N, C-alpha and C. Protein backbone atom coordinates (compact mmCIF):
# COMPACT_ATOMS: atom_id res chain seq x y z
N MET A 1 15.66 6.47 8.39
CA MET A 1 14.80 5.87 7.37
C MET A 1 13.65 6.84 7.07
N HIS A 2 13.43 7.07 5.81
CA HIS A 2 12.34 7.94 5.36
C HIS A 2 11.02 7.30 5.75
N HIS A 3 10.05 8.10 6.16
CA HIS A 3 8.75 7.63 6.63
C HIS A 3 8.11 6.67 5.63
N VAL A 4 8.12 7.02 4.36
CA VAL A 4 7.45 6.19 3.36
C VAL A 4 8.25 4.92 3.09
N ASP A 5 9.59 4.96 3.26
CA ASP A 5 10.38 3.74 3.12
C ASP A 5 9.88 2.70 4.12
N ARG A 6 9.62 3.15 5.35
CA ARG A 6 9.12 2.24 6.38
C ARG A 6 7.75 1.71 6.00
N ILE A 7 6.88 2.58 5.50
CA ILE A 7 5.53 2.16 5.12
C ILE A 7 5.58 1.14 3.99
N ALA A 8 6.42 1.38 2.98
CA ALA A 8 6.50 0.46 1.84
C ALA A 8 6.97 -0.91 2.28
N GLY A 9 7.74 -0.98 3.37
CA GLY A 9 8.24 -2.26 3.86
C GLY A 9 7.25 -3.01 4.73
N GLU A 10 6.16 -2.39 5.12
CA GLU A 10 5.14 -3.04 5.93
C GLU A 10 4.16 -3.77 5.01
N PRO A 11 3.59 -4.88 5.46
CA PRO A 11 2.61 -5.57 4.61
C PRO A 11 1.49 -4.62 4.18
N GLY A 12 1.29 -4.50 2.90
CA GLY A 12 0.27 -3.61 2.37
C GLY A 12 0.63 -2.15 2.40
N GLY A 13 1.80 -1.81 2.93
CA GLY A 13 2.24 -0.41 3.00
C GLY A 13 2.45 0.21 1.64
N TRP A 14 2.55 -0.62 0.62
CA TRP A 14 2.73 -0.12 -0.75
C TRP A 14 1.55 0.73 -1.21
N ARG A 15 0.37 0.48 -0.65
CA ARG A 15 -0.80 1.28 -1.06
C ARG A 15 -0.55 2.77 -0.80
N LYS A 16 -0.13 3.07 0.41
CA LYS A 16 0.14 4.45 0.79
C LYS A 16 1.39 4.97 0.09
N ALA A 17 2.40 4.15 -0.04
CA ALA A 17 3.66 4.59 -0.66
C ALA A 17 3.43 5.02 -2.11
N VAL A 18 2.62 4.28 -2.85
CA VAL A 18 2.34 4.65 -4.25
C VAL A 18 1.59 5.98 -4.28
N PHE A 19 0.54 6.11 -3.47
CA PHE A 19 -0.21 7.36 -3.48
C PHE A 19 0.67 8.53 -3.04
N ASP A 20 1.49 8.32 -2.02
CA ASP A 20 2.37 9.39 -1.55
C ASP A 20 3.33 9.85 -2.64
N SER A 21 3.84 8.92 -3.44
CA SER A 21 4.72 9.29 -4.55
C SER A 21 4.00 10.20 -5.54
N VAL A 22 2.77 9.84 -5.86
CA VAL A 22 1.97 10.64 -6.79
C VAL A 22 1.67 12.01 -6.18
N ASP A 23 1.25 12.01 -4.94
CA ASP A 23 0.88 13.25 -4.26
C ASP A 23 2.07 14.20 -4.17
N GLU A 24 3.23 13.69 -3.79
CA GLU A 24 4.43 14.52 -3.69
C GLU A 24 4.83 15.09 -5.05
N ALA A 25 4.72 14.27 -6.10
CA ALA A 25 5.08 14.73 -7.44
C ALA A 25 4.11 15.80 -7.93
N TYR A 26 2.85 15.65 -7.61
CA TYR A 26 1.85 16.62 -8.06
C TYR A 26 2.07 17.98 -7.41
N PHE A 27 2.33 17.99 -6.13
CA PHE A 27 2.45 19.25 -5.41
C PHE A 27 3.86 19.84 -5.40
N ALA A 28 4.84 19.12 -5.92
CA ALA A 28 6.22 19.62 -5.92
C ALA A 28 6.33 20.89 -6.76
N GLN A 29 7.13 21.81 -6.28
CA GLN A 29 7.45 23.02 -7.05
C GLN A 29 8.76 22.76 -7.76
N GLY A 30 8.72 22.60 -9.06
CA GLY A 30 9.95 22.30 -9.80
C GLY A 30 10.27 20.83 -9.73
N ALA A 31 11.49 20.52 -9.30
CA ALA A 31 11.96 19.14 -9.27
C ALA A 31 11.18 18.30 -8.26
N LEU A 32 11.21 16.99 -8.48
CA LEU A 32 10.55 16.07 -7.55
C LEU A 32 11.35 15.98 -6.26
N PRO A 33 10.68 15.67 -5.17
CA PRO A 33 11.40 15.49 -3.90
C PRO A 33 12.43 14.35 -4.03
N PRO A 34 13.56 14.46 -3.35
CA PRO A 34 14.56 13.39 -3.42
C PRO A 34 13.97 12.05 -3.01
N GLY A 35 14.26 11.02 -3.78
CA GLY A 35 13.82 9.67 -3.46
C GLY A 35 12.41 9.34 -3.89
N ASN A 36 11.72 10.25 -4.54
CA ASN A 36 10.33 10.02 -4.91
C ASN A 36 10.16 8.81 -5.82
N VAL A 37 10.94 8.74 -6.89
CA VAL A 37 10.81 7.64 -7.84
C VAL A 37 11.30 6.34 -7.21
N ALA A 38 12.38 6.42 -6.44
CA ALA A 38 12.90 5.22 -5.77
C ALA A 38 11.87 4.66 -4.80
N GLN A 39 11.16 5.54 -4.11
CA GLN A 39 10.10 5.12 -3.18
C GLN A 39 9.04 4.31 -3.92
N LEU A 40 8.67 4.77 -5.11
CA LEU A 40 7.66 4.06 -5.89
C LEU A 40 8.19 2.70 -6.33
N HIS A 41 9.44 2.65 -6.74
CA HIS A 41 10.01 1.36 -7.17
C HIS A 41 10.14 0.38 -6.00
N ARG A 42 10.43 0.88 -4.80
CA ARG A 42 10.44 0.00 -3.62
C ARG A 42 9.04 -0.53 -3.35
N ALA A 43 8.04 0.32 -3.53
CA ALA A 43 6.65 -0.13 -3.35
C ALA A 43 6.31 -1.20 -4.38
N LEU A 44 6.75 -1.03 -5.62
CA LEU A 44 6.51 -2.05 -6.65
C LEU A 44 7.17 -3.37 -6.27
N ASP A 45 8.39 -3.30 -5.76
CA ASP A 45 9.08 -4.51 -5.31
C ASP A 45 8.29 -5.21 -4.20
N ALA A 46 7.78 -4.42 -3.24
CA ALA A 46 6.99 -4.98 -2.15
C ALA A 46 5.72 -5.63 -2.69
N MET A 47 5.10 -5.01 -3.68
CA MET A 47 3.88 -5.56 -4.27
C MET A 47 4.16 -6.91 -4.92
N ARG A 48 5.28 -7.01 -5.61
CA ARG A 48 5.64 -8.28 -6.26
C ARG A 48 5.94 -9.35 -5.21
N GLU A 49 6.61 -8.96 -4.12
CA GLU A 49 6.91 -9.92 -3.05
C GLU A 49 5.63 -10.42 -2.38
N GLU A 50 4.62 -9.57 -2.28
CA GLU A 50 3.36 -9.94 -1.66
C GLU A 50 2.39 -10.59 -2.67
N HIS A 51 2.83 -10.76 -3.90
CA HIS A 51 2.01 -11.39 -4.96
C HIS A 51 0.67 -10.68 -5.13
N VAL A 52 0.75 -9.35 -5.20
CA VAL A 52 -0.43 -8.53 -5.41
C VAL A 52 -0.98 -8.79 -6.81
N ASP A 53 -2.27 -8.63 -6.97
CA ASP A 53 -2.93 -8.84 -8.25
C ASP A 53 -2.22 -8.07 -9.37
N HIS A 54 -2.07 -8.71 -10.52
CA HIS A 54 -1.35 -8.12 -11.64
C HIS A 54 -1.93 -6.77 -12.08
N GLU A 55 -3.24 -6.63 -12.03
CA GLU A 55 -3.86 -5.36 -12.45
C GLU A 55 -3.44 -4.20 -11.56
N ILE A 56 -3.29 -4.45 -10.27
CA ILE A 56 -2.86 -3.41 -9.34
C ILE A 56 -1.39 -3.05 -9.61
N ILE A 57 -0.57 -4.07 -9.84
CA ILE A 57 0.84 -3.81 -10.16
C ILE A 57 0.94 -3.02 -11.46
N ALA A 58 0.12 -3.37 -12.45
CA ALA A 58 0.14 -2.65 -13.73
C ALA A 58 -0.23 -1.18 -13.53
N ARG A 59 -1.15 -0.88 -12.64
CA ARG A 59 -1.50 0.52 -12.35
C ARG A 59 -0.29 1.26 -11.77
N ALA A 60 0.39 0.62 -10.82
CA ALA A 60 1.56 1.24 -10.20
C ALA A 60 2.69 1.41 -11.22
N GLU A 61 2.85 0.44 -12.11
CA GLU A 61 3.88 0.57 -13.16
C GLU A 61 3.55 1.73 -14.09
N ALA A 62 2.28 1.92 -14.41
CA ALA A 62 1.88 3.05 -15.27
C ALA A 62 2.18 4.37 -14.57
N ILE A 63 1.97 4.41 -13.26
CA ILE A 63 2.32 5.61 -12.49
C ILE A 63 3.82 5.85 -12.56
N ALA A 64 4.61 4.78 -12.44
CA ALA A 64 6.07 4.91 -12.50
C ALA A 64 6.51 5.47 -13.86
N VAL A 65 5.91 4.99 -14.93
CA VAL A 65 6.24 5.49 -16.26
C VAL A 65 5.91 6.98 -16.36
N THR A 66 4.77 7.37 -15.82
CA THR A 66 4.37 8.77 -15.86
C THR A 66 5.30 9.64 -15.02
N LEU A 67 5.76 9.11 -13.87
CA LEU A 67 6.74 9.85 -13.07
C LEU A 67 8.04 10.06 -13.86
N HIS A 68 8.46 9.04 -14.59
CA HIS A 68 9.67 9.17 -15.42
C HIS A 68 9.45 10.19 -16.54
N ARG A 69 8.25 10.21 -17.11
CA ARG A 69 7.94 11.24 -18.12
C ARG A 69 8.01 12.63 -17.51
N LEU A 70 7.51 12.77 -16.29
CA LEU A 70 7.57 14.05 -15.60
C LEU A 70 9.02 14.46 -15.37
N LEU A 71 9.84 13.54 -14.91
CA LEU A 71 11.26 13.84 -14.71
C LEU A 71 11.92 14.31 -16.00
N ALA A 72 11.63 13.61 -17.09
CA ALA A 72 12.21 13.98 -18.39
C ALA A 72 11.75 15.39 -18.80
N ALA A 73 10.49 15.69 -18.58
CA ALA A 73 9.97 17.02 -18.94
C ALA A 73 10.61 18.11 -18.08
N ILE A 74 10.81 17.82 -16.79
CA ILE A 74 11.45 18.79 -15.90
C ILE A 74 12.88 19.05 -16.35
N HIS A 75 13.60 18.00 -16.71
CA HIS A 75 14.99 18.16 -17.14
C HIS A 75 15.10 18.82 -18.52
N ALA A 76 14.13 18.56 -19.38
CA ALA A 76 14.16 19.13 -20.73
C ALA A 76 13.82 20.61 -20.73
N ALA A 77 12.97 21.01 -19.82
CA ALA A 77 12.53 22.41 -19.79
C ALA A 77 12.49 22.91 -18.34
N PRO A 78 13.66 23.07 -17.71
CA PRO A 78 13.67 23.53 -16.31
C PRO A 78 12.94 24.86 -16.15
N GLY A 79 12.09 24.92 -15.17
CA GLY A 79 11.36 26.15 -14.89
C GLY A 79 10.15 26.40 -15.78
N ASP A 80 9.91 25.54 -16.76
CA ASP A 80 8.78 25.71 -17.67
C ASP A 80 7.58 24.94 -17.13
N ASP A 81 6.79 25.60 -16.30
CA ASP A 81 5.64 24.96 -15.67
C ASP A 81 4.62 24.49 -16.70
N MET A 82 4.51 25.19 -17.81
CA MET A 82 3.54 24.81 -18.85
C MET A 82 3.89 23.46 -19.47
N ALA A 83 5.18 23.10 -19.48
CA ALA A 83 5.60 21.83 -20.06
C ALA A 83 5.28 20.65 -19.14
N VAL A 84 5.28 20.89 -17.84
CA VAL A 84 5.09 19.79 -16.90
C VAL A 84 3.67 19.74 -16.31
N ARG A 85 2.94 20.81 -16.39
CA ARG A 85 1.60 20.85 -15.79
C ARG A 85 0.69 19.73 -16.28
N PRO A 86 0.62 19.46 -17.60
CA PRO A 86 -0.28 18.38 -18.04
C PRO A 86 0.12 17.01 -17.48
N ILE A 87 1.41 16.77 -17.32
CA ILE A 87 1.84 15.49 -16.77
C ILE A 87 1.50 15.42 -15.29
N ARG A 88 1.67 16.52 -14.58
CA ARG A 88 1.30 16.54 -13.16
C ARG A 88 -0.22 16.29 -13.00
N ARG A 89 -1.01 16.87 -13.88
CA ARG A 89 -2.46 16.63 -13.82
C ARG A 89 -2.79 15.17 -14.10
N GLU A 90 -2.09 14.60 -15.08
CA GLU A 90 -2.28 13.19 -15.39
C GLU A 90 -1.94 12.33 -14.17
N LEU A 91 -0.85 12.67 -13.50
CA LEU A 91 -0.47 11.94 -12.28
C LEU A 91 -1.54 12.07 -11.21
N ARG A 92 -2.08 13.25 -11.05
CA ARG A 92 -3.12 13.47 -10.04
C ARG A 92 -4.33 12.58 -10.33
N ALA A 93 -4.73 12.52 -11.59
CA ALA A 93 -5.85 11.66 -11.97
C ALA A 93 -5.52 10.19 -11.70
N MET A 94 -4.29 9.81 -11.97
CA MET A 94 -3.86 8.43 -11.70
C MET A 94 -3.91 8.15 -10.20
N GLY A 95 -3.56 9.13 -9.40
CA GLY A 95 -3.61 8.97 -7.95
C GLY A 95 -5.03 8.76 -7.46
N VAL A 96 -5.96 9.53 -8.01
CA VAL A 96 -7.37 9.37 -7.64
C VAL A 96 -7.86 7.99 -8.06
N ASP A 97 -7.50 7.56 -9.28
CA ASP A 97 -7.88 6.23 -9.74
C ASP A 97 -7.27 5.15 -8.85
N TRP A 98 -6.03 5.39 -8.40
CA TRP A 98 -5.35 4.44 -7.51
C TRP A 98 -6.17 4.26 -6.23
N LEU A 99 -6.57 5.36 -5.63
CA LEU A 99 -7.35 5.27 -4.40
C LEU A 99 -8.68 4.57 -4.62
N LYS A 100 -9.33 4.85 -5.73
CA LYS A 100 -10.61 4.22 -6.02
C LYS A 100 -10.47 2.72 -6.26
N ALA A 101 -9.31 2.29 -6.76
CA ALA A 101 -9.10 0.87 -7.06
C ALA A 101 -8.72 0.04 -5.83
N MET A 102 -8.34 0.71 -4.75
CA MET A 102 -7.89 0.00 -3.56
C MET A 102 -9.07 -0.50 -2.76
N PRO A 103 -8.99 -1.76 -2.33
CA PRO A 103 -10.07 -2.27 -1.48
C PRO A 103 -10.08 -1.53 -0.14
N VAL A 104 -11.24 -1.41 0.42
CA VAL A 104 -11.38 -0.74 1.71
C VAL A 104 -11.28 -1.80 2.81
N PHE A 105 -10.40 -1.53 3.76
CA PHE A 105 -10.22 -2.46 4.87
C PHE A 105 -10.82 -1.85 6.13
N HIS A 106 -11.56 -2.63 6.86
CA HIS A 106 -12.19 -2.15 8.11
C HIS A 106 -11.57 -2.88 9.28
């Protein structure tokens, strides 16, 4: 079992799983790591099962859409870093916003 798969299955583990998906996509050289998008969709499923606030789910869904845009750009222009760089930057900003939106647990 992939480390993040286990985290996404734990109560509240979706917080880390969503950020990890963004982080992996941002730092990937070329194609996304295997299972990256699926990991995010499993986290979304976990969020829905836990009845997470709709605004938080909407943020994660927006990240998923952006990941799909990144995949499309990678497939449309393999090796063209200039085509994918703006989307990767957008994802990075979304990841920072994701962290800022998460409640802090002590």
